[in-house]
Amino acid sequence: MLNWLFRDRRTGAIVIAQFPNAPLIAWLALSVIAWLWRPTGGWGTALAVMTTAALSIWAVDEAARGVNPWRRSLGVAVLGYLIVTWASR
């Protein structure tokens, strides 16, 4: 089961985590900026939208093109979390 879940289908390597790609780096940087700066008003809204968009792009990409079932499941879980938190506002 674990072999199936974590095995990269192209290389055969076990992959649990990878170096972050551009959307995940953007989300991390924007999250740190939001945490340190704590902007309000239009700047706060813009930062929140950009942060959510970056994480959404990453999650959709992982769900569609993840290298193994673990990565695809992680993308689906994060996308589900984003949808639930957005719908509860």
N, C-alpha and C. Protein backbone atom coordinates (compact mmCIF):
# COMPACT_ATOMS: atom_id res chain seq x y z
N MET A 1 0.82 -1.20 0.00
CA MET A 1 0.00 0.00 0.00
C MET A 1 0.87 1.27 0.00
N LEU A 2 1.85 1.33 0.92
CA LEU A 2 2.72 2.51 0.99
C LEU A 2 3.54 2.67 -0.29
N ASN A 3 3.97 1.56 -0.85
CA ASN A 3 4.72 1.59 -2.10
C ASN A 3 3.87 2.24 -3.20
N TRP A 4 2.63 1.82 -3.31
CA TRP A 4 1.71 2.38 -4.31
C TRP A 4 1.46 3.87 -4.05
N LEU A 5 1.28 4.24 -2.79
CA LEU A 5 0.91 5.61 -2.43
C LEU A 5 2.03 6.61 -2.70
N PHE A 6 3.26 6.24 -2.42
CA PHE A 6 4.37 7.19 -2.49
C PHE A 6 5.31 7.02 -3.68
N ARG A 7 5.11 6.01 -4.50
CA ARG A 7 6.02 5.75 -5.63
C ARG A 7 5.72 6.69 -6.80
N ASP A 8 6.77 7.40 -7.27
CA ASP A 8 6.67 8.26 -8.46
C ASP A 8 6.47 7.36 -9.67
N ARG A 9 5.42 7.60 -10.44
CA ARG A 9 5.10 6.73 -11.56
C ARG A 9 6.08 6.85 -12.72
N ARG A 10 6.80 7.95 -12.81
CA ARG A 10 7.75 8.15 -13.91
C ARG A 10 9.14 7.63 -13.58
N THR A 11 9.62 7.92 -12.38
CA THR A 11 11.01 7.57 -12.03
C THR A 11 11.13 6.34 -11.15
N GLY A 12 10.05 5.98 -10.47
CA GLY A 12 10.11 4.86 -9.55
C GLY A 12 10.60 5.22 -8.16
N ALA A 13 10.99 6.47 -7.95
CA ALA A 13 11.49 6.92 -6.65
C ALA A 13 10.33 7.12 -5.68
N ILE A 14 10.63 7.02 -4.40
CA ILE A 14 9.65 7.34 -3.36
C ILE A 14 9.62 8.85 -3.20
N VAL A 15 8.44 9.46 -3.33
CA VAL A 15 8.31 10.92 -3.23
C VAL A 15 7.23 11.25 -2.21
N ILE A 16 7.64 11.90 -1.14
CA ILE A 16 6.70 12.37 -0.14
C ILE A 16 6.55 13.88 -0.27
N ALA A 17 7.67 14.56 -0.46
CA ALA A 17 7.67 16.01 -0.65
C ALA A 17 8.70 16.34 -1.72
N GLN A 18 8.49 17.47 -2.39
CA GLN A 18 9.41 17.92 -3.43
C GLN A 18 9.74 19.38 -3.16
N PHE A 19 10.78 19.86 -3.84
CA PHE A 19 11.10 21.28 -3.77
C PHE A 19 9.89 22.06 -4.26
N PRO A 20 9.46 23.08 -3.55
CA PRO A 20 8.25 23.82 -3.93
C PRO A 20 8.35 24.44 -5.31
N ASN A 21 7.22 24.44 -6.01
CA ASN A 21 7.17 25.09 -7.31
C ASN A 21 6.71 26.53 -7.14
N ALA A 22 6.62 27.26 -8.24
CA ALA A 22 6.36 28.71 -8.18
C ALA A 22 5.09 29.09 -7.41
N PRO A 23 3.93 28.44 -7.65
CA PRO A 23 2.74 28.84 -6.88
C PRO A 23 2.90 28.63 -5.38
N LEU A 24 3.58 27.55 -4.98
CA LEU A 24 3.76 27.30 -3.55
C LEU A 24 4.75 28.28 -2.93
N ILE A 25 5.78 28.64 -3.67
CA ILE A 25 6.73 29.66 -3.20
C ILE A 25 6.01 31.00 -3.06
N ALA A 26 5.16 31.34 -4.05
CA ALA A 26 4.40 32.60 -3.99
C ALA A 26 3.47 32.59 -2.78
N TRP A 27 2.77 31.47 -2.55
CA TRP A 27 1.87 31.38 -1.40
C TRP A 27 2.64 31.56 -0.10
N LEU A 28 3.78 30.91 0.02
CA LEU A 28 4.59 31.02 1.23
C LEU A 28 5.06 32.46 1.45
N ALA A 29 5.58 33.09 0.40
CA ALA A 29 6.06 34.47 0.52
C ALA A 29 4.92 35.42 0.87
N LEU A 30 3.78 35.27 0.20
CA LEU A 30 2.63 36.14 0.49
C LEU A 30 2.10 35.91 1.90
N SER A 31 2.12 34.67 2.35
CA SER A 31 1.66 34.37 3.71
C SER A 31 2.56 35.01 4.75
N VAL A 32 3.86 34.96 4.53
CA VAL A 32 4.80 35.59 5.46
C VAL A 32 4.59 37.10 5.47
N ILE A 33 4.42 37.70 4.29
CA ILE A 33 4.16 39.15 4.20
C ILE A 33 2.88 39.49 4.97
N ALA A 34 1.82 38.71 4.76
CA ALA A 34 0.55 38.98 5.45
C ALA A 34 0.70 38.82 6.95
N TRP A 35 1.48 37.85 7.38
CA TRP A 35 1.68 37.61 8.81
C TRP A 35 2.48 38.73 9.46
N LEU A 36 3.50 39.21 8.77
CA LEU A 36 4.34 40.27 9.33
C LEU A 36 3.69 41.65 9.23
N TRP A 37 3.06 41.93 8.11
CA TRP A 37 2.54 43.27 7.85
C TRP A 37 1.12 43.46 8.39
N ARG A 38 0.29 42.45 8.30
CA ARG A 38 -1.12 42.49 8.72
C ARG A 38 -1.85 43.71 8.14
N PRO A 39 -1.89 43.79 6.81
CA PRO A 39 -2.54 44.95 6.19
C PRO A 39 -4.05 44.90 6.34
N THR A 40 -4.66 46.07 6.28
CA THR A 40 -6.12 46.18 6.35
C THR A 40 -6.61 46.87 5.08
N GLY A 41 -7.92 46.90 4.93
CA GLY A 41 -8.51 47.60 3.78
C GLY A 41 -8.21 46.90 2.47
N GLY A 42 -8.01 47.70 1.44
CA GLY A 42 -7.78 47.19 0.10
C GLY A 42 -6.52 46.35 -0.01
N TRP A 43 -5.46 46.77 0.68
CA TRP A 43 -4.20 46.01 0.64
C TRP A 43 -4.39 44.63 1.27
N GLY A 44 -5.11 44.58 2.36
CA GLY A 44 -5.36 43.30 3.02
C GLY A 44 -6.19 42.37 2.15
N THR A 45 -7.21 42.93 1.51
CA THR A 45 -8.04 42.13 0.61
C THR A 45 -7.23 41.61 -0.57
N ALA A 46 -6.45 42.49 -1.18
CA ALA A 46 -5.62 42.08 -2.33
C ALA A 46 -4.64 40.99 -1.93
N LEU A 47 -4.02 41.12 -0.78
CA LEU A 47 -3.06 40.12 -0.32
C LEU A 47 -3.76 38.79 -0.04
N ALA A 48 -4.94 38.84 0.55
CA ALA A 48 -5.70 37.62 0.82
C ALA A 48 -6.10 36.92 -0.48
N VAL A 49 -6.51 37.68 -1.47
CA VAL A 49 -6.90 37.10 -2.76
C VAL A 49 -5.68 36.46 -3.44
N MET A 50 -4.56 37.17 -3.44
CA MET A 50 -3.35 36.62 -4.08
C MET A 50 -2.86 35.36 -3.36
N THR A 51 -2.92 35.37 -2.05
CA THR A 51 -2.48 34.21 -1.27
C THR A 51 -3.36 33.00 -1.58
N THR A 52 -4.68 33.21 -1.57
CA THR A 52 -5.61 32.12 -1.87
C THR A 52 -5.46 31.64 -3.31
N ALA A 53 -5.27 32.56 -4.23
CA ALA A 53 -5.10 32.18 -5.64
C ALA A 53 -3.85 31.33 -5.83
N ALA A 54 -2.75 31.73 -5.22
CA ALA A 54 -1.50 30.96 -5.36
C ALA A 54 -1.65 29.55 -4.81
N LEU A 55 -2.28 29.41 -3.64
CA LEU A 55 -2.47 28.08 -3.07
C LEU A 55 -3.46 27.26 -3.89
N SER A 56 -4.48 27.91 -4.44
CA SER A 56 -5.45 27.22 -5.29
C SER A 56 -4.80 26.68 -6.56
N ILE A 57 -3.95 27.49 -7.17
CA ILE A 57 -3.25 27.06 -8.38
C ILE A 57 -2.36 25.86 -8.07
N TRP A 58 -1.66 25.92 -6.95
CA TRP A 58 -0.82 24.79 -6.55
C TRP A 58 -1.67 23.54 -6.33
N ALA A 59 -2.78 23.68 -5.62
CA ALA A 59 -3.62 22.52 -5.29
C ALA A 59 -4.21 21.89 -6.55
N VAL A 60 -4.70 22.70 -7.47
CA VAL A 60 -5.25 22.16 -8.73
C VAL A 60 -4.16 21.45 -9.52
N ASP A 61 -2.98 22.05 -9.58
CA ASP A 61 -1.86 21.44 -10.30
C ASP A 61 -1.48 20.10 -9.67
N GLU A 62 -1.39 20.03 -8.36
CA GLU A 62 -1.06 18.78 -7.68
C GLU A 62 -2.14 17.73 -7.90
N ALA A 63 -3.41 18.14 -7.81
CA ALA A 63 -4.51 17.19 -8.00
C ALA A 63 -4.50 16.62 -9.42
N ALA A 64 -4.14 17.44 -10.38
CA ALA A 64 -4.16 17.01 -11.78
C ALA A 64 -2.87 16.31 -12.21
N ARG A 65 -1.73 16.79 -11.72
CA ARG A 65 -0.45 16.30 -12.24
C ARG A 65 0.50 15.78 -11.17
N GLY A 66 0.02 15.49 -10.00
CA GLY A 66 0.89 14.98 -8.94
C GLY A 66 1.59 13.70 -9.36
N VAL A 67 2.80 13.47 -8.87
CA VAL A 67 3.61 12.34 -9.34
C VAL A 67 3.18 11.01 -8.74
N ASN A 68 2.35 11.03 -7.71
CA ASN A 68 1.88 9.79 -7.11
C ASN A 68 0.53 10.07 -6.42
N PRO A 69 -0.17 9.02 -5.98
CA PRO A 69 -1.46 9.23 -5.33
C PRO A 69 -1.39 10.11 -4.08
N TRP A 70 -0.30 10.05 -3.34
CA TRP A 70 -0.14 10.90 -2.16
C TRP A 70 -0.19 12.37 -2.54
N ARG A 71 0.58 12.76 -3.56
CA ARG A 71 0.64 14.16 -3.99
C ARG A 71 -0.71 14.60 -4.55
N ARG A 72 -1.36 13.74 -5.32
CA ARG A 72 -2.67 14.09 -5.87
C ARG A 72 -3.70 14.24 -4.75
N SER A 73 -3.65 13.35 -3.78
CA SER A 73 -4.57 13.43 -2.63
C SER A 73 -4.32 14.69 -1.82
N LEU A 74 -3.07 15.05 -1.66
CA LEU A 74 -2.72 16.28 -0.94
C LEU A 74 -3.31 17.50 -1.66
N GLY A 75 -3.19 17.54 -2.99
CA GLY A 75 -3.78 18.62 -3.76
C GLY A 75 -5.29 18.69 -3.60
N VAL A 76 -5.95 17.54 -3.65
CA VAL A 76 -7.41 17.49 -3.49
C VAL A 76 -7.81 17.94 -2.08
N ALA A 77 -7.06 17.51 -1.07
CA ALA A 77 -7.37 17.90 0.31
C ALA A 77 -7.23 19.41 0.51
N VAL A 78 -6.16 20.00 -0.01
CA VAL A 78 -5.97 21.45 0.13
C VAL A 78 -7.05 22.20 -0.65
N LEU A 79 -7.38 21.72 -1.83
CA LEU A 79 -8.45 22.35 -2.60
C LEU A 79 -9.78 22.26 -1.86
N GLY A 80 -10.05 21.11 -1.26
CA GLY A 80 -11.27 20.95 -0.46
C GLY A 80 -11.29 21.91 0.72
N TYR A 81 -10.16 22.04 1.39
CA TYR A 81 -10.05 22.98 2.51
C TYR A 81 -10.34 24.41 2.05
N LEU A 82 -9.77 24.80 0.93
CA LEU A 82 -9.99 26.16 0.41
C LEU A 82 -11.46 26.39 0.07
N ILE A 83 -12.10 25.39 -0.52
CA ILE A 83 -13.51 25.53 -0.88
C ILE A 83 -14.37 25.65 0.37
N VAL A 84 -14.10 24.81 1.36
CA VAL A 84 -14.90 24.84 2.60
C VAL A 84 -14.70 26.17 3.33
N THR A 85 -13.47 26.65 3.44
CA THR A 85 -13.26 27.92 4.13
C THR A 85 -13.85 29.09 3.36
N TRP A 86 -13.78 29.03 2.03
CA TRP A 86 -14.39 30.10 1.23
C TRP A 86 -15.91 30.07 1.37
N ALA A 87 -16.53 28.89 1.36
CA ALA A 87 -17.97 28.78 1.44
C ALA A 87 -18.49 29.16 2.83
N SER A 88 -17.67 29.04 3.86
CA SER A 88 -18.12 29.35 5.22
C SER A 88 -18.03 30.83 5.57
N ARG A 89 -17.52 31.63 4.66
CA ARG A 89 -17.40 33.07 4.94
C ARG A 89 -18.70 33.78 4.77
